Amino acid sequence: MRWNGSGTDALKGHFRQPSVRLGGVTTAWMPLDEVSFSAKEARLVPGVPGRIEVRGPALEVVVAQADLDPWQERFDLPFRLRLGERGLVTRAGIAGVRLGEIETRLEIVRGWFVLRPRRAALLGVPQWVSLFRSYLPVPPLSSQARLDAIEHEKGRLRLRIAVEDFDEELSPGIVDRLRERLVPFGR
């Protein structure tokens, strides 16, 4: 955890550019290489009950190929994903014989994570890319969150998710209320 500012600011409950970074996070749907939460500004407001005001919050999630492989094994997907430098490479085959490969980009459609094709090859022959798209079996984002940026690296995918500013009461259930700002249902 870190922030910019003086110790006096922290004692007053005012934090500029706070961030919390966690590595090796296990979630109900997929292990994540790294998760970090940051904001432009956060304030703890004293009172009964106290409040937290956050401006410019964002969540950054990093998925690594090493985490993606075991996740894919849990589902009976008709394809395999590989994290490439220009996008996600989707490979399909039958009985170990590679039939096709599609380079896709990750998008959000009405909150759901969707793979949209960029280029394709069938049995090694380049093909016209149709309107095919595939939904990933992960929870959707809530209406209060939006995908802000996607960065592809070989073996890693970095997602930056912007969240609306919020002012929350510091009381039991705050973790669930904050989680619902990102994922509208499920635990």
C-alpha atoms as a PDB file:
ATOM      1  CA  MET A   1       0.000   0.000   0.000  1.00  0.00           C
ATOM      2  CA  ARG A   2       1.279   3.454  -0.840  1.00  0.00           C
ATOM      3  CA  TRP A   3       0.127   7.047  -1.390  1.00  0.00           C
ATOM      4  CA  ASN A   4       1.535  10.484  -2.094  1.00  0.00           C
ATOM      5  CA  GLY A   5       1.493  13.120   0.601  1.00  0.00           C
ATOM      6  CA  SER A   6       2.751  13.766   4.094  1.00  0.00           C
ATOM      7  CA  GLY A   7       2.197  11.862   7.289  1.00  0.00           C
ATOM      8  CA  THR A   8       0.035  14.776   8.476  1.00  0.00           C
ATOM      9  CA  ASP A   9      -2.277  14.282   5.471  1.00  0.00           C
ATOM     10  CA  ALA A  10      -2.575  10.592   6.351  1.00  0.00           C
ATOM     11  CA  LEU A  11      -3.410  11.424   9.980  1.00  0.00           C
ATOM     12  CA  LYS A  12      -6.155  13.726   8.665  1.00  0.00           C
ATOM     13  CA  GLY A  13      -7.482  10.840   6.550  1.00  0.00           C
ATOM     14  CA  HIS A  14      -6.551  12.390   3.199  1.00  0.00           C
ATOM     15  CA  PHE A  15      -4.629  10.267   0.685  1.00  0.00           C
ATOM     16  CA  ARG A  16      -3.503  11.436  -2.774  1.00  0.00           C
ATOM     17  CA  GLN A  17      -3.001   8.721  -5.394  1.00  0.00           C
ATOM     18  CA  PRO A  18      -3.421   5.788  -2.997  1.00  0.00           C
ATOM     19  CA  SER A  19      -2.780   2.305  -4.361  1.00  0.00           C
ATOM     20  CA  VAL A  20      -2.897  -1.237  -3.070  1.00  0.00           C
ATOM     21  CA  ARG A  21      -1.170  -4.004  -5.061  1.00  0.00           C
ATOM     22  CA  LEU A  22      -1.689  -7.718  -4.439  1.00  0.00           C
ATOM     23  CA  GLY A  23       0.128 -10.557  -6.190  1.00  0.00           C
ATOM     24  CA  GLY A  24      -1.106 -14.107  -6.757  1.00  0.00           C
ATOM     25  CA  VAL A  25      -4.792 -13.478  -6.058  1.00  0.00           C
ATOM     26  CA  THR A  26      -7.124 -16.470  -6.190  1.00  0.00           C
ATOM     27  CA  THR A  27     -10.712 -15.704  -7.149  1.00  0.00           C
ATOM     28  CA  ALA A  28     -13.764 -17.936  -7.505  1.00  0.00           C
ATOM     29  CA  TRP A  29     -13.469 -17.867 -11.286  1.00  0.00           C
ATOM     30  CA  MET A  30      -9.778 -17.533 -12.158  1.00  0.00           C
ATOM     31  CA  PRO A  31      -6.401 -17.095 -10.436  1.00  0.00           C
ATOM     32  CA  LEU A  32      -4.901 -13.668 -11.161  1.00  0.00           C
ATOM     33  CA  ASP A  33      -1.216 -12.815 -11.344  1.00  0.00           C
ATOM     34  CA  GLU A  34      -1.733  -9.342  -9.914  1.00  0.00           C
ATOM     35  CA  VAL A  35      -4.564  -7.059  -8.782  1.00  0.00           C
ATOM     36  CA  SER A  36      -4.124  -3.417  -7.897  1.00  0.00           C
ATOM     37  CA  PHE A  37      -6.588  -0.779  -6.800  1.00  0.00           C
ATOM     38  CA  SER A  38      -5.740   2.880  -7.209  1.00  0.00           C
ATOM     39  CA  ALA A  39      -7.489   6.238  -7.049  1.00  0.00           C
ATOM     40  CA  LYS A  40      -6.752   9.894  -7.660  1.00  0.00           C
ATOM     41  CA  GLU A  41      -7.829  10.728  -4.122  1.00  0.00           C
ATOM     42  CA  ALA A  42      -9.338   9.029  -1.060  1.00  0.00           C
ATOM     43  CA  ARG A  43     -10.611  10.539   2.164  1.00  0.00           C
ATOM     44  CA  LEU A  44     -11.655   8.956   5.433  1.00  0.00           C
ATOM     45  CA  VAL A  45     -14.426  11.102   6.915  1.00  0.00           C
ATOM     46  CA  PRO A  46     -14.831  10.797  10.705  1.00  0.00           C
ATOM     47  CA  GLY A  47     -18.271  10.337  12.198  1.00  0.00           C
ATOM     48  CA  VAL A  48     -20.635   7.655  13.389  1.00  0.00           C
ATOM     49  CA  PRO A  49     -20.483   5.780  11.179  1.00  0.00           C
ATOM     50  CA  GLY A  50     -17.384   6.933   9.342  1.00  0.00           C
ATOM     51  CA  ARG A  51     -17.299   7.272   5.565  1.00  0.00           C
ATOM     52  CA  ILE A  52     -14.811   6.769   2.780  1.00  0.00           C
ATOM     53  CA  GLU A  53     -14.884   9.057  -0.262  1.00  0.00           C
ATOM     54  CA  VAL A  54     -12.960   7.899  -3.334  1.00  0.00           C
ATOM     55  CA  ARG A  55     -12.410   9.934  -6.516  1.00  0.00           C
ATOM     56  CA  GLY A  56     -11.044   8.434  -9.730  1.00  0.00           C
ATOM     57  CA  PRO A  57     -10.950   4.781  -8.610  1.00  0.00           C
ATOM     58  CA  ALA A  58      -9.554   2.124 -10.956  1.00  0.00           C
ATOM     59  CA  LEU A  59      -8.792  -1.559 -10.778  1.00  0.00           C
ATOM     60  CA  GLU A  60      -5.942  -3.158 -12.706  1.00  0.00           C
ATOM     61  CA  VAL A  61      -5.962  -6.915 -13.225  1.00  0.00           C
ATOM     62  CA  VAL A  62      -3.091  -8.935 -14.710  1.00  0.00           C
ATOM     63  CA  VAL A  63      -3.700 -12.436 -16.031  1.00  0.00           C
ATOM     64  CA  ALA A  64      -0.643 -14.587 -16.789  1.00  0.00           C
ATOM     65  CA  GLN A  65      -0.520 -17.604 -19.114  1.00  0.00           C
ATOM     66  CA  ALA A  66       0.577 -19.743 -16.139  1.00  0.00           C
ATOM     67  CA  ASP A  67      -2.733 -18.850 -14.424  1.00  0.00           C
ATOM     68  CA  LEU A  68      -4.827 -19.144 -17.583  1.00  0.00           C
ATOM     69  CA  ASP A  69      -3.791 -22.733 -18.427  1.00  0.00           C
ATOM     70  CA  PRO A  70      -5.217 -24.410 -15.270  1.00  0.00           C
ATOM     71  CA  TRP A  71      -8.355 -22.263 -15.584  1.00  0.00           C
ATOM     72  CA  GLN A  72      -8.972 -23.536 -19.121  1.00  0.00           C
ATOM     73  CA  GLU A  73      -8.684 -27.119 -17.882  1.00  0.00           C
ATOM     74  CA  ARG A  74     -11.684 -26.544 -15.560  1.00  0.00           C
ATOM     75  CA  PHE A  75     -14.021 -25.912 -18.506  1.00  0.00           C
ATOM     76  CA  ASP A  76     -14.877 -27.990 -21.543  1.00  0.00           C
ATOM     77  CA  LEU A  77     -14.061 -25.173 -23.960  1.00  0.00           C
ATOM     78  CA  PRO A  78     -13.880 -25.969 -27.688  1.00  0.00           C
ATOM     79  CA  PHE A  79     -10.705 -23.858 -27.894  1.00  0.00           C
ATOM     80  CA  ARG A  80      -7.505 -22.973 -26.016  1.00  0.00           C
ATOM     81  CA  LEU A  81      -6.323 -19.428 -25.311  1.00  0.00           C
ATOM     82  CA  ARG A  82      -2.743 -18.193 -25.509  1.00  0.00           C
ATOM     83  CA  LEU A  83      -1.798 -14.674 -24.456  1.00  0.00           C
ATOM     84  CA  GLY A  84       0.092 -13.121 -27.359  1.00  0.00           C
ATOM     85  CA  GLU A  85       1.742  -9.756 -27.973  1.00  0.00           C
ATOM     86  CA  ARG A  86      -1.084  -8.498 -30.250  1.00  0.00           C
ATOM     87  CA  GLY A  87      -4.057 -10.251 -28.683  1.00  0.00           C
ATOM     88  CA  LEU A  88      -5.428 -13.538 -27.489  1.00  0.00           C
ATOM     89  CA  VAL A  89      -4.751 -16.446 -29.815  1.00  0.00           C
ATOM     90  CA  THR A  90      -7.560 -18.982 -29.837  1.00  0.00           C
ATOM     91  CA  ARG A  91      -6.708 -22.475 -31.083  1.00  0.00           C
ATOM     92  CA  ALA A  92      -9.255 -25.178 -31.829  1.00  0.00           C
ATOM     93  CA  GLY A  93      -8.678 -28.810 -32.628  1.00  0.00           C
ATOM     94  CA  ILE A  94      -9.973 -32.345 -32.382  1.00  0.00           C
ATOM     95  CA  ALA A  95      -8.049 -35.200 -30.757  1.00  0.00           C
ATOM     96  CA  GLY A  96      -4.823 -33.206 -30.644  1.00  0.00           C
ATOM     97  CA  VAL A  97      -4.989 -32.137 -34.326  1.00  0.00           C
ATOM     98  CA  ARG A  98      -4.970 -28.353 -34.724  1.00  0.00           C
ATOM     99  CA  LEU A  99      -7.793 -27.357 -37.053  1.00  0.00           C
ATOM    100  CA  GLY A 100      -7.800 -23.616 -36.754  1.00  0.00           C
ATOM    101  CA  GLU A 101      -6.359 -20.565 -35.109  1.00  0.00           C
ATOM    102  CA  ILE A 102      -7.975 -17.192 -34.536  1.00  0.00           C
ATOM    103  CA  GLU A 103      -6.297 -14.085 -33.202  1.00  0.00           C
ATOM    104  CA  THR A 104      -8.876 -12.232 -31.125  1.00  0.00           C
ATOM    105  CA  ARG A 105      -9.128  -9.060 -29.143  1.00  0.00           C
ATOM    106  CA  LEU A 106     -10.875  -8.820 -25.815  1.00  0.00           C
ATOM    107  CA  GLU A 107     -13.892  -6.514 -25.624  1.00  0.00           C
ATOM    108  CA  ILE A 108     -16.712  -5.814 -23.216  1.00  0.00           C
ATOM    109  CA  VAL A 109     -20.263  -6.155 -24.560  1.00  0.00           C
ATOM    110  CA  ARG A 110     -22.992  -5.106 -22.103  1.00  0.00           C
ATOM    111  CA  GLY A 111     -20.601  -5.942 -19.248  1.00  0.00           C
ATOM    112  CA  TRP A 112     -19.599  -9.410 -20.549  1.00  0.00           C
ATOM    113  CA  PHE A 113     -16.058 -10.310 -21.660  1.00  0.00           C
ATOM    114  CA  VAL A 114     -16.140 -11.196 -25.362  1.00  0.00           C
ATOM    115  CA  LEU A 115     -13.473 -12.449 -27.777  1.00  0.00           C
ATOM    116  CA  ARG A 116     -13.804 -10.768 -31.208  1.00  0.00           C
ATOM    117  CA  PRO A 117     -11.663 -12.152 -34.081  1.00  0.00           C
ATOM    118  CA  ARG A 118      -8.989 -10.113 -35.912  1.00  0.00           C
ATOM    119  CA  ARG A 119      -7.518 -12.801 -38.200  1.00  0.00           C
ATOM    120  CA  ALA A 120      -8.104 -16.505 -38.744  1.00  0.00           C
ATOM    121  CA  ALA A 121      -6.586 -19.603 -40.365  1.00  0.00           C
ATOM    122  CA  LEU A 122      -8.229 -22.956 -41.047  1.00  0.00           C
ATOM    123  CA  LEU A 123      -5.792 -25.844 -41.497  1.00  0.00           C
ATOM    124  CA  GLY A 124      -3.078 -23.211 -41.999  1.00  0.00           C
ATOM    125  CA  VAL A 125      -4.969 -21.348 -44.765  1.00  0.00           C
ATOM    126  CA  PRO A 126      -5.900 -17.687 -44.037  1.00  0.00           C
ATOM    127  CA  GLN A 127      -9.666 -17.230 -43.791  1.00  0.00           C
ATOM    128  CA  TRP A 128     -12.137 -14.389 -43.919  1.00  0.00           C
ATOM    129  CA  VAL A 129     -13.042 -13.384 -40.357  1.00  0.00           C
ATOM    130  CA  SER A 130     -16.790 -13.407 -39.794  1.00  0.00           C
ATOM    131  CA  LEU A 131     -18.906 -11.835 -37.104  1.00  0.00           C
ATOM    132  CA  PHE A 132     -18.170 -14.804 -34.815  1.00  0.00           C
ATOM    133  CA  ARG A 133     -17.615 -13.890 -31.196  1.00  0.00           C
ATOM    134  CA  SER A 134     -17.327 -15.946 -28.048  1.00  0.00           C
ATOM    135  CA  TYR A 135     -18.221 -15.044 -24.487  1.00  0.00           C
ATOM    136  CA  LEU A 136     -15.725 -15.984 -21.776  1.00  0.00           C
ATOM    137  CA  PRO A 137     -17.103 -17.846 -18.735  1.00  0.00           C
ATOM    138  CA  VAL A 138     -16.217 -15.124 -16.219  1.00  0.00           C
ATOM    139  CA  PRO A 139     -18.595 -12.787 -14.337  1.00  0.00           C
ATOM    140  CA  PRO A 140     -19.661  -9.610 -16.174  1.00  0.00           C
ATOM    141  CA  LEU A 141     -18.730  -6.106 -15.062  1.00  0.00           C
ATOM    142  CA  SER A 142     -21.381  -3.995 -13.354  1.00  0.00           C
ATOM    143  CA  SER A 143     -22.897  -0.915 -14.967  1.00  0.00           C
ATOM    144  CA  GLN A 144     -20.687   1.214 -12.654  1.00  0.00           C
ATOM    145  CA  ALA A 145     -17.459  -0.176 -14.147  1.00  0.00           C
ATOM    146  CA  ARG A 146     -16.007   0.159 -17.642  1.00  0.00           C
ATOM    147  CA  LEU A 147     -13.011  -1.304 -19.390  1.00  0.00           C
ATOM    148  CA  ASP A 148     -10.553   1.575 -19.691  1.00  0.00           C
ATOM    149  CA  ALA A 149      -7.520  -0.107 -21.299  1.00  0.00           C
ATOM    150  CA  ILE A 150      -6.155  -3.463 -22.420  1.00  0.00           C
ATOM    151  CA  GLU A 151      -2.431  -4.150 -22.780  1.00  0.00           C
ATOM    152  CA  HIS A 152      -1.195  -7.328 -24.420  1.00  0.00           C
ATOM    153  CA  GLU A 153       2.220  -8.786 -23.684  1.00  0.00           C
ATOM    154  CA  LYS A 154       3.512 -12.218 -24.529  1.00  0.00           C
ATOM    155  CA  GLY A 155       2.149 -14.449 -21.780  1.00  0.00           C
ATOM    156  CA  ARG A 156       0.315 -11.620 -19.945  1.00  0.00           C
ATOM    157  CA  LEU A 157      -2.867  -9.607 -20.298  1.00  0.00           C
ATOM    158  CA  ARG A 158      -3.372  -6.377 -18.340  1.00  0.00           C
ATOM    159  CA  LEU A 159      -6.892  -4.952 -17.926  1.00  0.00           C
ATOM    160  CA  ARG A 160      -7.586  -1.520 -16.467  1.00  0.00           C
ATOM    161  CA  ILE A 161     -11.150  -1.073 -15.225  1.00  0.00           C
ATOM    162  CA  ALA A 162     -12.426   2.378 -14.298  1.00  0.00           C
ATOM    163  CA  VAL A 163     -15.072   2.613 -11.584  1.00  0.00           C
ATOM    164  CA  GLU A 164     -17.399   5.504 -10.791  1.00  0.00           C
ATOM    165  CA  ASP A 165     -16.475   7.740  -7.843  1.00  0.00           C
ATOM    166  CA  PHE A 166     -18.051   6.614  -4.603  1.00  0.00           C
ATOM    167  CA  ASP A 167     -18.868   7.671  -1.064  1.00  0.00           C
ATOM    168  CA  GLU A 168     -19.510   4.680   1.232  1.00  0.00           C
ATOM    169  CA  GLU A 169     -20.378   4.232   4.867  1.00  0.00           C
ATOM    170  CA  LEU A 170     -17.709   2.321   6.829  1.00  0.00           C
ATOM    171  CA  SER A 171     -19.971  -0.349   8.265  1.00  0.00           C
ATOM    172  CA  PRO A 172     -20.384  -4.128   8.083  1.00  0.00           C
ATOM    173  CA  GLY A 173     -20.956  -5.226   4.496  1.00  0.00           C
ATOM    174  CA  ILE A 174     -18.695  -2.592   2.928  1.00  0.00           C
ATOM    175  CA  VAL A 175     -16.641  -5.256   1.129  1.00  0.00           C
ATOM    176  CA  ASP A 176     -19.770  -6.693  -0.500  1.00  0.00           C
ATOM    177  CA  ARG A 177     -21.009  -3.221  -1.496  1.00  0.00           C
ATOM    178  CA  LEU A 178     -17.649  -2.369  -3.065  1.00  0.00           C
ATOM    179  CA  ARG A 179     -17.503  -5.736  -4.873  1.00  0.00           C
ATOM    180  CA  GLU A 180     -20.929  -5.061  -6.408  1.00  0.00           C
ATOM    181  CA  ARG A 181     -19.478  -1.917  -8.014  1.00  0.00           C
ATOM    182  CA  LEU A 182     -17.346  -4.251 -10.172  1.00  0.00           C
ATOM    183  CA  VAL A 183     -19.319  -7.487 -10.449  1.00  0.00           C
ATOM    184  CA  PRO A 184     -23.116  -7.166 -10.124  1.00  0.00           C
ATOM    185  CA  PHE A 185     -23.775 -10.637  -8.673  1.00  0.00           C
ATOM    186  CA  GLY A 186     -22.083 -13.673  -7.147  1.00  0.00           C
ATOM    187  CA  ARG A 187     -19.476 -13.954  -4.432  1.00  0.00           C
END
